[in-house]
Amino acid sequence: MTVVNFHLTSSLSPSGVLEVLTDFSPARARTWPGIDSEHFEVHGLGENWAEVTEGTSAAWERARYDWEPGGSEVTVTTLDSKLFGAGGGWVFRMTPQAEGTRVDIQLTRTPSTLKGKLLASLLPAVAPSSLRKSFAGPLQSR
């Protein structure tokens, strides 16, 4: 299992970050650079959960999102993945700051294939900076 922790600062309020993370409308594929519309499907959606498949042909993931309305944490549990299989996921924790929100992010991967194991071994070195960049637009980070 590989665990990567990093953070970013968003100009959005905690509720604004929560809204971006839990918007499963068709706009999601336009908002997030790592999601294309051909690999985005909402399987189920409730007041505080969603099950979706999202990503690209190179790397897609089916996951369950859980959050509390007005809460400060979103947990994403990987149900299936092209690269990593089931297990692992994401945790986003939002903490208000004077001018926005600190977002602490934990990524956990449990690789099930040789390719996944190789990629997981690289995550600690490359994931924090590359993921921070990919989240910069949607979460309006600075």
N, C-alpha and C. Protein backbone atom coordinates (compact mmCIF):
# COMPACT_ATOMS: atom_id res chain seq x y z
N MET A 1 0.85 -1.18 0.00
CA MET A 1 0.00 0.00 0.00
C MET A 1 0.89 1.23 0.00
N THR A 2 0.51 2.21 -0.81
CA THR A 2 1.23 3.47 -0.89
C THR A 2 0.33 4.58 -0.39
N VAL A 3 0.86 5.44 0.49
CA VAL A 3 0.10 6.57 1.02
C VAL A 3 0.89 7.84 0.74
N VAL A 4 0.21 8.83 0.17
CA VAL A 4 0.83 10.12 -0.15
C VAL A 4 -0.02 11.20 0.51
N ASN A 5 0.63 12.09 1.26
CA ASN A 5 -0.05 13.21 1.89
C ASN A 5 0.51 14.52 1.34
N PHE A 6 -0.38 15.46 1.06
CA PHE A 6 0.04 16.80 0.66
C PHE A 6 -1.11 17.75 0.95
N HIS A 7 -0.86 19.04 0.79
CA HIS A 7 -1.92 20.02 1.01
C HIS A 7 -1.80 21.15 -0.01
N LEU A 8 -2.87 21.91 -0.10
CA LEU A 8 -2.86 23.12 -0.91
C LEU A 8 -3.76 24.13 -0.22
N THR A 9 -3.63 25.37 -0.64
CA THR A 9 -4.48 26.43 -0.11
C THR A 9 -5.39 26.91 -1.22
N SER A 10 -6.68 26.89 -0.96
CA SER A 10 -7.68 27.30 -1.93
C SER A 10 -8.21 28.68 -1.56
N SER A 11 -8.54 29.47 -2.55
CA SER A 11 -9.18 30.76 -2.30
C SER A 11 -10.66 30.59 -1.99
N LEU A 12 -11.19 29.38 -2.19
CA LEU A 12 -12.59 29.10 -1.89
C LEU A 12 -12.81 28.90 -0.40
N SER A 13 -14.03 29.10 0.05
CA SER A 13 -14.40 28.77 1.42
C SER A 13 -14.46 27.24 1.55
N PRO A 14 -14.47 26.71 2.78
CA PRO A 14 -14.62 25.25 2.91
C PRO A 14 -15.88 24.73 2.22
N SER A 15 -16.99 25.47 2.30
CA SER A 15 -18.20 25.02 1.63
C SER A 15 -18.04 25.08 0.11
N GLY A 16 -17.27 26.03 -0.39
CA GLY A 16 -16.99 26.11 -1.82
C GLY A 16 -16.15 24.93 -2.30
N VAL A 17 -15.15 24.54 -1.50
CA VAL A 17 -14.33 23.37 -1.83
C VAL A 17 -15.21 22.13 -1.83
N LEU A 18 -16.05 21.99 -0.81
CA LEU A 18 -16.96 20.84 -0.72
C LEU A 18 -17.86 20.79 -1.95
N GLU A 19 -18.36 21.94 -2.37
CA GLU A 19 -19.24 21.99 -3.54
C GLU A 19 -18.53 21.51 -4.80
N VAL A 20 -17.29 21.94 -5.00
CA VAL A 20 -16.53 21.52 -6.19
C VAL A 20 -16.24 20.01 -6.14
N LEU A 21 -15.86 19.52 -4.96
CA LEU A 21 -15.53 18.10 -4.83
C LEU A 21 -16.75 17.20 -5.03
N THR A 22 -17.95 17.72 -4.72
CA THR A 22 -19.15 16.87 -4.75
C THR A 22 -20.14 17.28 -5.83
N ASP A 23 -19.68 18.00 -6.83
CA ASP A 23 -20.54 18.35 -7.97
C ASP A 23 -20.40 17.23 -9.01
N PHE A 24 -21.45 16.43 -9.15
CA PHE A 24 -21.42 15.31 -10.07
C PHE A 24 -22.30 15.56 -11.29
N SER A 25 -22.49 16.83 -11.60
CA SER A 25 -23.24 17.21 -12.81
C SER A 25 -22.34 16.98 -14.02
N PRO A 26 -22.88 17.11 -15.24
CA PRO A 26 -22.05 16.96 -16.45
C PRO A 26 -20.88 17.96 -16.49
N ALA A 27 -20.96 19.05 -15.73
CA ALA A 27 -19.87 20.02 -15.71
C ALA A 27 -18.59 19.45 -15.09
N ARG A 28 -18.70 18.34 -14.35
CA ARG A 28 -17.53 17.76 -13.69
C ARG A 28 -16.42 17.45 -14.70
N ALA A 29 -16.76 16.92 -15.84
CA ALA A 29 -15.76 16.58 -16.85
C ALA A 29 -15.09 17.83 -17.43
N ARG A 30 -15.77 18.96 -17.39
CA ARG A 30 -15.16 20.21 -17.86
C ARG A 30 -14.33 20.86 -16.76
N THR A 31 -14.69 20.63 -15.50
CA THR A 31 -14.02 21.25 -14.37
C THR A 31 -12.69 20.57 -14.03
N TRP A 32 -12.68 19.24 -14.06
CA TRP A 32 -11.51 18.48 -13.64
C TRP A 32 -10.71 18.01 -14.85
N PRO A 33 -9.43 18.37 -14.94
CA PRO A 33 -8.62 18.00 -16.11
C PRO A 33 -8.39 16.51 -16.27
N GLY A 34 -8.51 15.72 -15.21
CA GLY A 34 -8.27 14.28 -15.30
C GLY A 34 -9.52 13.46 -15.58
N ILE A 35 -10.61 14.13 -15.98
CA ILE A 35 -11.86 13.43 -16.27
C ILE A 35 -12.32 13.83 -17.67
N ASP A 36 -12.59 12.83 -18.50
CA ASP A 36 -13.20 13.16 -19.79
C ASP A 36 -14.64 12.64 -19.79
N SER A 37 -15.47 13.24 -20.60
CA SER A 37 -16.91 12.92 -20.57
C SER A 37 -17.19 11.47 -20.95
N GLU A 38 -16.32 10.85 -21.76
CA GLU A 38 -16.52 9.45 -22.14
C GLU A 38 -16.28 8.49 -20.98
N HIS A 39 -15.55 8.95 -19.96
CA HIS A 39 -15.22 8.10 -18.82
C HIS A 39 -15.78 8.71 -17.53
N PHE A 40 -16.96 9.30 -17.63
CA PHE A 40 -17.64 9.85 -16.46
C PHE A 40 -19.08 9.33 -16.45
N GLU A 41 -19.41 8.60 -15.40
CA GLU A 41 -20.76 8.06 -15.26
C GLU A 41 -21.14 8.08 -13.78
N VAL A 42 -22.32 8.61 -13.50
CA VAL A 42 -22.86 8.59 -12.15
C VAL A 42 -23.73 7.34 -12.02
N HIS A 43 -23.35 6.46 -11.12
CA HIS A 43 -24.09 5.21 -10.91
C HIS A 43 -25.18 5.38 -9.86
N GLY A 44 -24.97 6.28 -8.91
CA GLY A 44 -25.93 6.55 -7.85
C GLY A 44 -25.55 7.83 -7.14
N LEU A 45 -26.55 8.55 -6.63
CA LEU A 45 -26.29 9.84 -6.00
C LEU A 45 -27.32 10.08 -4.90
N GLY A 46 -26.85 10.41 -3.72
CA GLY A 46 -27.72 10.73 -2.60
C GLY A 46 -27.32 12.07 -1.99
N GLU A 47 -27.93 12.40 -0.86
CA GLU A 47 -27.66 13.69 -0.21
C GLU A 47 -26.20 13.81 0.25
N ASN A 48 -25.62 12.70 0.69
CA ASN A 48 -24.25 12.77 1.21
C ASN A 48 -23.35 11.65 0.65
N TRP A 49 -23.68 11.17 -0.55
CA TRP A 49 -22.86 10.14 -1.18
C TRP A 49 -23.06 10.14 -2.69
N ALA A 50 -22.10 9.57 -3.38
CA ALA A 50 -22.21 9.35 -4.82
C ALA A 50 -21.33 8.18 -5.18
N GLU A 51 -21.77 7.41 -6.17
CA GLU A 51 -20.92 6.38 -6.73
C GLU A 51 -20.75 6.70 -8.21
N VAL A 52 -19.49 6.88 -8.61
CA VAL A 52 -19.21 7.33 -9.97
C VAL A 52 -18.02 6.58 -10.56
N THR A 53 -17.99 6.54 -11.87
CA THR A 53 -16.79 6.15 -12.60
C THR A 53 -16.29 7.42 -13.26
N GLU A 54 -15.00 7.69 -13.11
CA GLU A 54 -14.44 8.91 -13.71
C GLU A 54 -12.97 8.69 -14.02
N GLY A 55 -12.48 9.46 -14.97
CA GLY A 55 -11.09 9.38 -15.37
C GLY A 55 -10.95 9.51 -16.88
N THR A 56 -9.99 8.78 -17.42
CA THR A 56 -9.71 8.78 -18.85
C THR A 56 -9.52 7.33 -19.29
N SER A 57 -9.32 7.12 -20.58
CA SER A 57 -9.09 5.75 -21.04
C SER A 57 -7.80 5.18 -20.44
N ALA A 58 -6.84 6.03 -20.14
CA ALA A 58 -5.57 5.58 -19.57
C ALA A 58 -5.68 5.23 -18.09
N ALA A 59 -6.55 5.95 -17.38
CA ALA A 59 -6.65 5.75 -15.92
C ALA A 59 -8.04 6.15 -15.45
N TRP A 60 -8.91 5.18 -15.27
CA TRP A 60 -10.25 5.45 -14.75
C TRP A 60 -10.40 4.77 -13.40
N GLU A 61 -11.40 5.24 -12.66
CA GLU A 61 -11.66 4.70 -11.33
C GLU A 61 -13.15 4.74 -11.04
N ARG A 62 -13.68 3.66 -10.49
CA ARG A 62 -15.04 3.67 -9.95
C ARG A 62 -14.88 3.84 -8.45
N ALA A 63 -15.60 4.83 -7.90
CA ALA A 63 -15.40 5.17 -6.50
C ALA A 63 -16.71 5.58 -5.84
N ARG A 64 -16.72 5.47 -4.52
CA ARG A 64 -17.83 5.96 -3.72
C ARG A 64 -17.32 7.17 -2.93
N TYR A 65 -18.03 8.28 -3.09
CA TYR A 65 -17.76 9.51 -2.35
C TYR A 65 -18.73 9.57 -1.18
N ASP A 66 -18.23 9.94 -0.01
CA ASP A 66 -19.06 10.14 1.17
C ASP A 66 -18.67 11.46 1.82
N TRP A 67 -19.67 12.23 2.28
CA TRP A 67 -19.45 13.51 2.93
C TRP A 67 -20.69 13.86 3.74
N GLU A 68 -20.52 14.79 4.65
CA GLU A 68 -21.65 15.34 5.39
C GLU A 68 -21.96 16.71 4.80
N PRO A 69 -23.23 16.99 4.48
CA PRO A 69 -23.57 18.33 3.98
C PRO A 69 -23.08 19.37 4.98
N GLY A 70 -22.34 20.35 4.49
CA GLY A 70 -21.79 21.38 5.35
C GLY A 70 -20.57 20.90 6.13
N GLY A 71 -20.10 19.69 5.86
CA GLY A 71 -18.98 19.11 6.59
C GLY A 71 -17.63 19.59 6.07
N SER A 72 -16.59 19.03 6.67
CA SER A 72 -15.24 19.46 6.34
C SER A 72 -14.37 18.32 5.81
N GLU A 73 -15.00 17.21 5.41
CA GLU A 73 -14.24 16.07 4.91
C GLU A 73 -15.01 15.34 3.83
N VAL A 74 -14.29 14.92 2.80
CA VAL A 74 -14.84 14.07 1.75
C VAL A 74 -13.94 12.85 1.67
N THR A 75 -14.55 11.67 1.75
CA THR A 75 -13.82 10.42 1.65
C THR A 75 -14.22 9.74 0.35
N VAL A 76 -13.23 9.32 -0.40
CA VAL A 76 -13.44 8.66 -1.68
C VAL A 76 -12.84 7.26 -1.57
N THR A 77 -13.66 6.24 -1.72
CA THR A 77 -13.21 4.86 -1.61
C THR A 77 -13.19 4.23 -3.00
N THR A 78 -12.04 3.74 -3.41
CA THR A 78 -11.90 3.11 -4.72
C THR A 78 -12.58 1.74 -4.72
N LEU A 79 -13.54 1.57 -5.61
CA LEU A 79 -14.23 0.29 -5.76
C LEU A 79 -13.60 -0.57 -6.86
N ASP A 80 -13.10 0.10 -7.90
CA ASP A 80 -12.42 -0.56 -9.01
C ASP A 80 -11.59 0.49 -9.72
N SER A 81 -10.53 0.07 -10.36
CA SER A 81 -9.64 1.01 -11.04
C SER A 81 -8.87 0.27 -12.12
N LYS A 82 -8.64 0.94 -13.22
CA LYS A 82 -7.88 0.33 -14.31
C LYS A 82 -6.46 0.00 -13.86
N LEU A 83 -5.88 0.87 -13.03
CA LEU A 83 -4.49 0.70 -12.64
C LEU A 83 -4.28 0.05 -11.28
N PHE A 84 -5.19 0.29 -10.35
CA PHE A 84 -4.93 -0.12 -8.98
C PHE A 84 -5.92 -1.12 -8.39
N GLY A 85 -7.03 -1.35 -9.01
CA GLY A 85 -8.02 -2.26 -8.45
C GLY A 85 -8.70 -1.65 -7.23
N ALA A 86 -9.47 -2.47 -6.53
CA ALA A 86 -10.23 -1.99 -5.37
C ALA A 86 -9.30 -1.73 -4.19
N GLY A 87 -9.77 -0.86 -3.31
CA GLY A 87 -9.01 -0.52 -2.11
C GLY A 87 -8.37 0.84 -2.26
N GLY A 88 -8.09 1.45 -1.16
CA GLY A 88 -7.48 2.77 -1.18
C GLY A 88 -8.49 3.84 -1.52
N GLY A 89 -7.99 5.00 -1.92
CA GLY A 89 -8.85 6.12 -2.27
C GLY A 89 -8.23 7.45 -1.85
N TRP A 90 -9.10 8.38 -1.54
CA TRP A 90 -8.72 9.76 -1.22
C TRP A 90 -9.44 10.21 0.03
N VAL A 91 -8.81 11.11 0.78
CA VAL A 91 -9.48 11.82 1.85
C VAL A 91 -9.11 13.29 1.68
N PHE A 92 -10.13 14.14 1.63
CA PHE A 92 -9.94 15.59 1.53
C PHE A 92 -10.46 16.20 2.83
N ARG A 93 -9.61 16.94 3.55
CA ARG A 93 -10.02 17.62 4.79
C ARG A 93 -9.85 19.12 4.60
N MET A 94 -10.92 19.86 4.86
CA MET A 94 -10.92 21.30 4.65
C MET A 94 -10.87 22.02 6.00
N THR A 95 -9.94 22.97 6.11
CA THR A 95 -9.80 23.78 7.31
C THR A 95 -9.85 25.24 6.90
N PRO A 96 -10.80 26.02 7.48
CA PRO A 96 -10.87 27.44 7.12
C PRO A 96 -9.60 28.18 7.53
N GLN A 97 -9.22 29.11 6.67
CA GLN A 97 -8.11 30.02 6.97
C GLN A 97 -8.58 31.44 6.72
N ALA A 98 -7.78 32.39 7.08
CA ALA A 98 -8.18 33.80 6.95
C ALA A 98 -8.64 34.13 5.53
N GLU A 99 -7.94 33.63 4.54
CA GLU A 99 -8.29 33.95 3.15
C GLU A 99 -8.50 32.68 2.34
N GLY A 100 -9.43 31.85 2.76
CA GLY A 100 -9.71 30.65 2.00
C GLY A 100 -9.72 29.41 2.86
N THR A 101 -9.17 28.33 2.29
CA THR A 101 -9.23 27.03 2.94
C THR A 101 -7.94 26.25 2.71
N ARG A 102 -7.46 25.65 3.77
CA ARG A 102 -6.37 24.68 3.63
C ARG A 102 -7.03 23.34 3.35
N VAL A 103 -6.58 22.67 2.28
CA VAL A 103 -7.11 21.36 1.92
C VAL A 103 -5.98 20.35 2.09
N ASP A 104 -6.14 19.48 3.08
CA ASP A 104 -5.19 18.39 3.30
C ASP A 104 -5.71 17.18 2.54
N ILE A 105 -4.84 16.57 1.75
CA ILE A 105 -5.24 15.48 0.87
C ILE A 105 -4.38 14.26 1.16
N GLN A 106 -5.06 13.14 1.32
CA GLN A 106 -4.36 11.86 1.48
C GLN A 106 -4.80 10.94 0.36
N LEU A 107 -3.85 10.41 -0.37
CA LEU A 107 -4.09 9.46 -1.44
C LEU A 107 -3.52 8.12 -1.02
N THR A 108 -4.35 7.08 -1.07
CA THR A 108 -3.90 5.73 -0.73
C THR A 108 -4.16 4.83 -1.93
N ARG A 109 -3.15 4.09 -2.32
CA ARG A 109 -3.29 3.17 -3.44
C ARG A 109 -2.87 1.78 -3.01
N THR A 110 -3.67 0.81 -3.41
CA THR A 110 -3.39 -0.60 -3.15
C THR A 110 -3.29 -1.29 -4.50
N PRO A 111 -2.10 -1.33 -5.07
CA PRO A 111 -1.96 -1.89 -6.42
C PRO A 111 -2.20 -3.40 -6.46
N SER A 112 -2.81 -3.83 -7.56
CA SER A 112 -3.09 -5.26 -7.71
C SER A 112 -2.41 -5.87 -8.93
N THR A 113 -1.76 -5.04 -9.73
CA THR A 113 -1.06 -5.53 -10.92
C THR A 113 0.39 -5.06 -10.87
N LEU A 114 1.22 -5.67 -11.70
CA LEU A 114 2.62 -5.25 -11.75
C LEU A 114 2.73 -3.79 -12.18
N LYS A 115 1.96 -3.40 -13.17
CA LYS A 115 1.98 -2.00 -13.62
C LYS A 115 1.54 -1.07 -12.49
N GLY A 116 0.50 -1.46 -11.77
CA GLY A 116 0.04 -0.66 -10.64
C GLY A 116 1.09 -0.55 -9.56
N LYS A 117 1.80 -1.64 -9.29
CA LYS A 117 2.85 -1.62 -8.26
C LYS A 117 3.99 -0.69 -8.67
N LEU A 118 4.34 -0.71 -9.95
CA LEU A 118 5.39 0.19 -10.44
C LEU A 118 4.95 1.65 -10.31
N LEU A 119 3.73 1.93 -10.73
CA LEU A 119 3.22 3.30 -10.63
C LEU A 119 3.12 3.74 -9.17
N ALA A 120 2.64 2.86 -8.31
CA ALA A 120 2.51 3.20 -6.89
C ALA A 120 3.87 3.52 -6.27
N SER A 121 4.92 2.85 -6.72
CA SER A 121 6.24 3.12 -6.17
C SER A 121 6.73 4.52 -6.54
N LEU A 122 6.21 5.09 -7.63
CA LEU A 122 6.59 6.43 -8.06
C LEU A 122 5.76 7.53 -7.40
N LEU A 123 4.60 7.18 -6.89
CA LEU A 123 3.68 8.19 -6.36
C LEU A 123 4.29 9.11 -5.30
N PRO A 124 5.01 8.62 -4.31
CA PRO A 124 5.55 9.54 -3.31
C PRO A 124 6.43 10.64 -3.90
N ALA A 125 7.13 10.33 -4.98
CA ALA A 125 8.02 11.32 -5.58
C ALA A 125 7.31 12.29 -6.50
N VAL A 126 6.33 11.81 -7.26
CA VAL A 126 5.73 12.65 -8.29
C VAL A 126 4.31 13.14 -7.98
N ALA A 127 3.59 12.44 -7.15
CA ALA A 127 2.18 12.78 -6.93
C ALA A 127 1.94 14.15 -6.30
N PRO A 128 2.65 14.51 -5.22
CA PRO A 128 2.30 15.80 -4.60
C PRO A 128 2.33 16.99 -5.56
N SER A 129 3.39 17.15 -6.32
CA SER A 129 3.46 18.32 -7.21
C SER A 129 2.51 18.19 -8.39
N SER A 130 2.41 17.02 -8.99
CA SER A 130 1.53 16.88 -10.16
C SER A 130 0.06 16.98 -9.76
N LEU A 131 -0.32 16.39 -8.64
CA LEU A 131 -1.72 16.49 -8.20
C LEU A 131 -2.06 17.90 -7.74
N ARG A 132 -1.15 18.56 -7.07
CA ARG A 132 -1.38 19.95 -6.66
C ARG A 132 -1.68 20.80 -7.89
N LYS A 133 -0.94 20.57 -8.98
CA LYS A 133 -1.17 21.31 -10.23
C LYS A 133 -2.54 20.97 -10.82
N SER A 134 -2.92 19.69 -10.81
CA SER A 134 -4.20 19.32 -11.42
C SER A 134 -5.39 19.81 -10.59
N PHE A 135 -5.20 20.02 -9.29
CA PHE A 135 -6.27 20.54 -8.44
C PHE A 135 -6.32 22.07 -8.44
N ALA A 136 -5.26 22.71 -8.93
CA ALA A 136 -5.15 24.18 -8.86
C ALA A 136 -6.33 24.89 -9.50
N GLY A 137 -6.74 24.47 -10.69
CA GLY A 137 -7.87 25.12 -11.36
C GLY A 137 -9.19 24.88 -10.67
N PRO A 138 -9.59 23.61 -10.52
CA PRO A 138 -10.91 23.35 -9.93
C PRO A 138 -11.05 23.89 -8.50
N LEU A 139 -9.99 23.81 -7.69
CA LEU A 139 -10.09 24.27 -6.32
C LEU A 139 -9.56 25.69 -6.13
N GLN A 140 -9.23 26.34 -7.24
CA GLN A 140 -8.74 27.71 -7.20
C GLN A 140 -7.65 27.88 -6.15
N SER A 141 -6.63 27.03 -6.26
CA SER A 141 -5.57 27.08 -5.27
C SER A 141 -4.49 28.07 -5.68
N ARG A 142 -3.74 28.46 -4.69
CA ARG A 142 -2.65 29.41 -4.93
C ARG A 142 -1.38 28.89 -4.33
